[in-house]
Amino acid sequence: MGVFINLSNHSSDKWSKPQLAAARTYGEIVDIAFPTVPPFATGELIDALVQEYLDRLSAFDISAVMVQGEFVFTYRLVNALKSKGIKVLSACSERKTDERIDSEGRTQRVSIFEFVQFREY
């Protein structure tokens, strides 16, 4: 069995038990921080960053990669990984929101995200 790469800014040590269990069906979890993609980055810079991450990921025996972050980088990396036959996933959660009005009349909103499944790109 290979590894499950978590390429996001959400370290697996903060995941719920159900999300950890689902990820472990693909193998050992390896966290790789999602890159900072500057808003002024050109397409060429993003392509170079995608290539850098493809090179970095090639060191692993990958079962699946969860990619979540800046949209254009994610889109390009997902396509590149899929073209290599690598399974690419996104975590799907249900948002549960509790909204209250405090004694000062301010709205306070707390959202809890409950993992449901990994969905393949």
C-alpha atoms as a PDB file:
ATOM      1  CA  MET A   1       0.000   0.000   0.000  1.00  0.00           C
ATOM      2  CA  GLY A   2       1.260   3.477  -0.837  1.00  0.00           C
ATOM      3  CA  VAL A   3       0.798   6.769   0.947  1.00  0.00           C
ATOM      4  CA  PHE A   4      -2.012   9.284   1.205  1.00  0.00           C
ATOM      5  CA  ILE A   5      -0.590  12.752   0.573  1.00  0.00           C
ATOM      6  CA  ASN A   6      -2.400  15.580   2.344  1.00  0.00           C
ATOM      7  CA  LEU A   7      -1.470  18.637   0.257  1.00  0.00           C
ATOM      8  CA  SER A   8      -3.346  21.355   2.099  1.00  0.00           C
ATOM      9  CA  ASN A   9      -2.952  23.795   4.962  1.00  0.00           C
ATOM     10  CA  HIS A  10      -4.948  21.514   7.254  1.00  0.00           C
ATOM     11  CA  SER A  11      -2.509  19.241   9.044  1.00  0.00           C
ATOM     12  CA  SER A  12      -3.818  15.720   9.572  1.00  0.00           C
ATOM     13  CA  ASP A  13      -3.051  15.934  13.305  1.00  0.00           C
ATOM     14  CA  LYS A  14      -6.128  18.191  13.532  1.00  0.00           C
ATOM     15  CA  TRP A  15      -8.440  15.906  11.536  1.00  0.00           C
ATOM     16  CA  SER A  16     -11.392  14.062  13.034  1.00  0.00           C
ATOM     17  CA  LYS A  17     -11.216  10.321  13.641  1.00  0.00           C
ATOM     18  CA  PRO A  18     -13.522   9.592  10.668  1.00  0.00           C
ATOM     19  CA  GLN A  19     -11.344  11.634   8.293  1.00  0.00           C
ATOM     20  CA  LEU A  20      -8.164   9.952   9.567  1.00  0.00           C
ATOM     21  CA  ALA A  21      -9.743   6.524   9.143  1.00  0.00           C
ATOM     22  CA  ALA A  22     -10.871   7.318   5.592  1.00  0.00           C
ATOM     23  CA  ALA A  23      -7.417   8.615   4.644  1.00  0.00           C
ATOM     24  CA  ARG A  24      -5.662   5.603   6.158  1.00  0.00           C
ATOM     25  CA  THR A  25      -7.550   3.286   3.810  1.00  0.00           C
ATOM     26  CA  TYR A  26      -5.134   4.642   1.178  1.00  0.00           C
ATOM     27  CA  GLY A  27      -2.035   4.153   3.340  1.00  0.00           C
ATOM     28  CA  GLU A  28       0.152   6.163   5.667  1.00  0.00           C
ATOM     29  CA  ILE A  29      -0.753   9.865   5.771  1.00  0.00           C
ATOM     30  CA  VAL A  30       1.980  12.298   4.733  1.00  0.00           C
ATOM     31  CA  ASP A  31       1.330  16.013   5.266  1.00  0.00           C
ATOM     32  CA  ILE A  32       2.798  18.449   2.751  1.00  0.00           C
ATOM     33  CA  ALA A  33       1.971  22.110   3.268  1.00  0.00           C
ATOM     34  CA  PHE A  34       0.131  23.789   0.420  1.00  0.00           C
ATOM     35  CA  PRO A  35       2.346  26.427  -1.192  1.00  0.00           C
ATOM     36  CA  THR A  36       1.790  30.123  -0.833  1.00  0.00           C
ATOM     37  CA  VAL A  37       0.611  31.313  -4.238  1.00  0.00           C
ATOM     38  CA  PRO A  38       1.003  35.085  -4.516  1.00  0.00           C
ATOM     39  CA  PRO A  39      -1.992  36.889  -6.014  1.00  0.00           C
ATOM     40  CA  PHE A  40       0.327  38.518  -8.554  1.00  0.00           C
ATOM     41  CA  ALA A  41       1.741  35.171  -9.723  1.00  0.00           C
ATOM     42  CA  THR A  42       1.779  34.733 -13.491  1.00  0.00           C
ATOM     43  CA  GLY A  43       0.671  31.552 -15.205  1.00  0.00           C
ATOM     44  CA  GLU A  44       4.330  30.724 -15.813  1.00  0.00           C
ATOM     45  CA  LEU A  45       5.117  31.040 -12.100  1.00  0.00           C
ATOM     46  CA  ILE A  46       2.190  28.801 -11.195  1.00  0.00           C
ATOM     47  CA  ASP A  47       3.291  26.229 -13.792  1.00  0.00           C
ATOM     48  CA  ALA A  48       6.805  26.257 -12.307  1.00  0.00           C
ATOM     49  CA  LEU A  49       5.335  25.756  -8.833  1.00  0.00           C
ATOM     50  CA  VAL A  50       3.211  22.865 -10.118  1.00  0.00           C
ATOM     51  CA  GLN A  51       6.332  21.252 -11.592  1.00  0.00           C
ATOM     52  CA  GLU A  52       8.197  21.749  -8.298  1.00  0.00           C
ATOM     53  CA  TYR A  53       5.427  19.921  -6.441  1.00  0.00           C
ATOM     54  CA  LEU A  54       5.205  17.167  -9.045  1.00  0.00           C
ATOM     55  CA  ASP A  55       8.936  16.603  -8.579  1.00  0.00           C
ATOM     56  CA  ARG A  56       8.539  16.598  -4.810  1.00  0.00           C
ATOM     57  CA  LEU A  57       5.629  14.142  -4.934  1.00  0.00           C
ATOM     58  CA  SER A  58       7.537  11.769  -7.236  1.00  0.00           C
ATOM     59  CA  ALA A  59       9.571  10.633  -4.200  1.00  0.00           C
ATOM     60  CA  PHE A  60       6.502   8.857  -2.793  1.00  0.00           C
ATOM     61  CA  ASP A  61       4.639   5.663  -3.651  1.00  0.00           C
ATOM     62  CA  ILE A  62       1.295   7.462  -3.878  1.00  0.00           C
ATOM     63  CA  SER A  63      -2.105   5.821  -3.459  1.00  0.00           C
ATOM     64  CA  ALA A  64      -3.963   9.153  -3.427  1.00  0.00           C
ATOM     65  CA  VAL A  65      -3.376  12.880  -3.047  1.00  0.00           C
ATOM     66  CA  MET A  66      -5.797  15.269  -1.379  1.00  0.00           C
ATOM     67  CA  VAL A  67      -5.272  18.704  -2.960  1.00  0.00           C
ATOM     68  CA  GLN A  68      -7.044  21.727  -1.471  1.00  0.00           C
ATOM     69  CA  GLY A  69      -5.974  25.346  -1.688  1.00  0.00           C
ATOM     70  CA  GLU A  70      -5.601  28.235  -4.124  1.00  0.00           C
ATOM     71  CA  PHE A  71      -7.846  27.457  -7.073  1.00  0.00           C
ATOM     72  CA  VAL A  72      -5.626  27.864 -10.146  1.00  0.00           C
ATOM     73  CA  PHE A  73      -2.661  25.990  -8.653  1.00  0.00           C
ATOM     74  CA  THR A  74      -5.050  23.261  -7.471  1.00  0.00           C
ATOM     75  CA  TYR A  75      -6.654  22.984 -10.918  1.00  0.00           C
ATOM     76  CA  ARG A  76      -3.316  22.692 -12.683  1.00  0.00           C
ATOM     77  CA  LEU A  77      -1.800  20.268 -10.183  1.00  0.00           C
ATOM     78  CA  VAL A  78      -4.906  18.071 -10.156  1.00  0.00           C
ATOM     79  CA  ASN A  79      -4.814  17.835 -13.959  1.00  0.00           C
ATOM     80  CA  ALA A  80      -1.093  17.027 -13.948  1.00  0.00           C
ATOM     81  CA  LEU A  81      -1.508  14.316 -11.301  1.00  0.00           C
ATOM     82  CA  LYS A  82      -4.510  12.794 -13.065  1.00  0.00           C
ATOM     83  CA  SER A  83      -2.573  12.704 -16.345  1.00  0.00           C
ATOM     84  CA  LYS A  84      -0.052  10.499 -14.516  1.00  0.00           C
ATOM     85  CA  GLY A  85      -2.835   8.162 -13.376  1.00  0.00           C
ATOM     86  CA  ILE A  86      -2.723   9.341  -9.747  1.00  0.00           C
ATOM     87  CA  LYS A  87      -5.979   9.428  -7.784  1.00  0.00           C
ATOM     88  CA  VAL A  88      -6.696  12.978  -6.583  1.00  0.00           C
ATOM     89  CA  LEU A  89      -9.226  13.740  -3.864  1.00  0.00           C
ATOM     90  CA  SER A  90     -10.942  16.577  -2.067  1.00  0.00           C
ATOM     91  CA  ALA A  91     -12.378  16.377   1.439  1.00  0.00           C
ATOM     92  CA  CYS A  92     -16.124  16.936   1.651  1.00  0.00           C
ATOM     93  CA  SER A  93     -17.561  18.262   4.880  1.00  0.00           C
ATOM     94  CA  GLU A  94     -20.934  19.329   6.144  1.00  0.00           C
ATOM     95  CA  ARG A  95     -20.997  22.810   7.665  1.00  0.00           C
ATOM     96  CA  LYS A  96     -23.106  23.158  10.777  1.00  0.00           C
ATOM     97  CA  THR A  97     -23.590  26.770  11.817  1.00  0.00           C
ATOM     98  CA  ASP A  98     -24.861  28.114  15.100  1.00  0.00           C
ATOM     99  CA  GLU A  99     -25.856  31.775  15.043  1.00  0.00           C
ATOM    100  CA  ARG A 100     -26.670  33.822  18.122  1.00  0.00           C
ATOM    101  CA  ILE A 101     -27.297  37.447  18.984  1.00  0.00           C
ATOM    102  CA  ASP A 102     -25.295  38.485  22.048  1.00  0.00           C
ATOM    103  CA  SER A 103     -26.435  40.940  24.740  1.00  0.00           C
ATOM    104  CA  GLU A 104     -24.938  43.841  22.715  1.00  0.00           C
ATOM    105  CA  GLY A 105     -26.999  42.914  19.636  1.00  0.00           C
ATOM    106  CA  ARG A 106     -23.985  41.542  17.742  1.00  0.00           C
ATOM    107  CA  THR A 107     -24.363  38.423  15.649  1.00  0.00           C
ATOM    108  CA  GLN A 108     -21.988  35.641  16.546  1.00  0.00           C
ATOM    109  CA  ARG A 109     -21.648  32.746  14.173  1.00  0.00           C
ATOM    110  CA  VAL A 110     -19.774  29.528  14.861  1.00  0.00           C
ATOM    111  CA  SER A 111     -19.288  26.994  12.079  1.00  0.00           C
ATOM    112  CA  ILE A 112     -18.339  23.385  12.668  1.00  0.00           C
ATOM    113  CA  PHE A 113     -17.217  21.308   9.710  1.00  0.00           C
ATOM    114  CA  GLU A 114     -17.913  17.580   9.943  1.00  0.00           C
ATOM    115  CA  PHE A 115     -16.034  15.354   7.515  1.00  0.00           C
ATOM    116  CA  VAL A 116     -18.298  13.230   5.324  1.00  0.00           C
ATOM    117  CA  GLN A 117     -16.113  11.689   2.610  1.00  0.00           C
ATOM    118  CA  PHE A 118     -13.283  12.125   0.159  1.00  0.00           C
ATOM    119  CA  ARG A 119     -14.515  12.882  -3.361  1.00  0.00           C
ATOM    120  CA  GLU A 120     -12.401  12.168  -6.417  1.00  0.00           C
ATOM    121  CA  TYR A 121     -11.635  14.981  -8.842  1.00  0.00           C
END
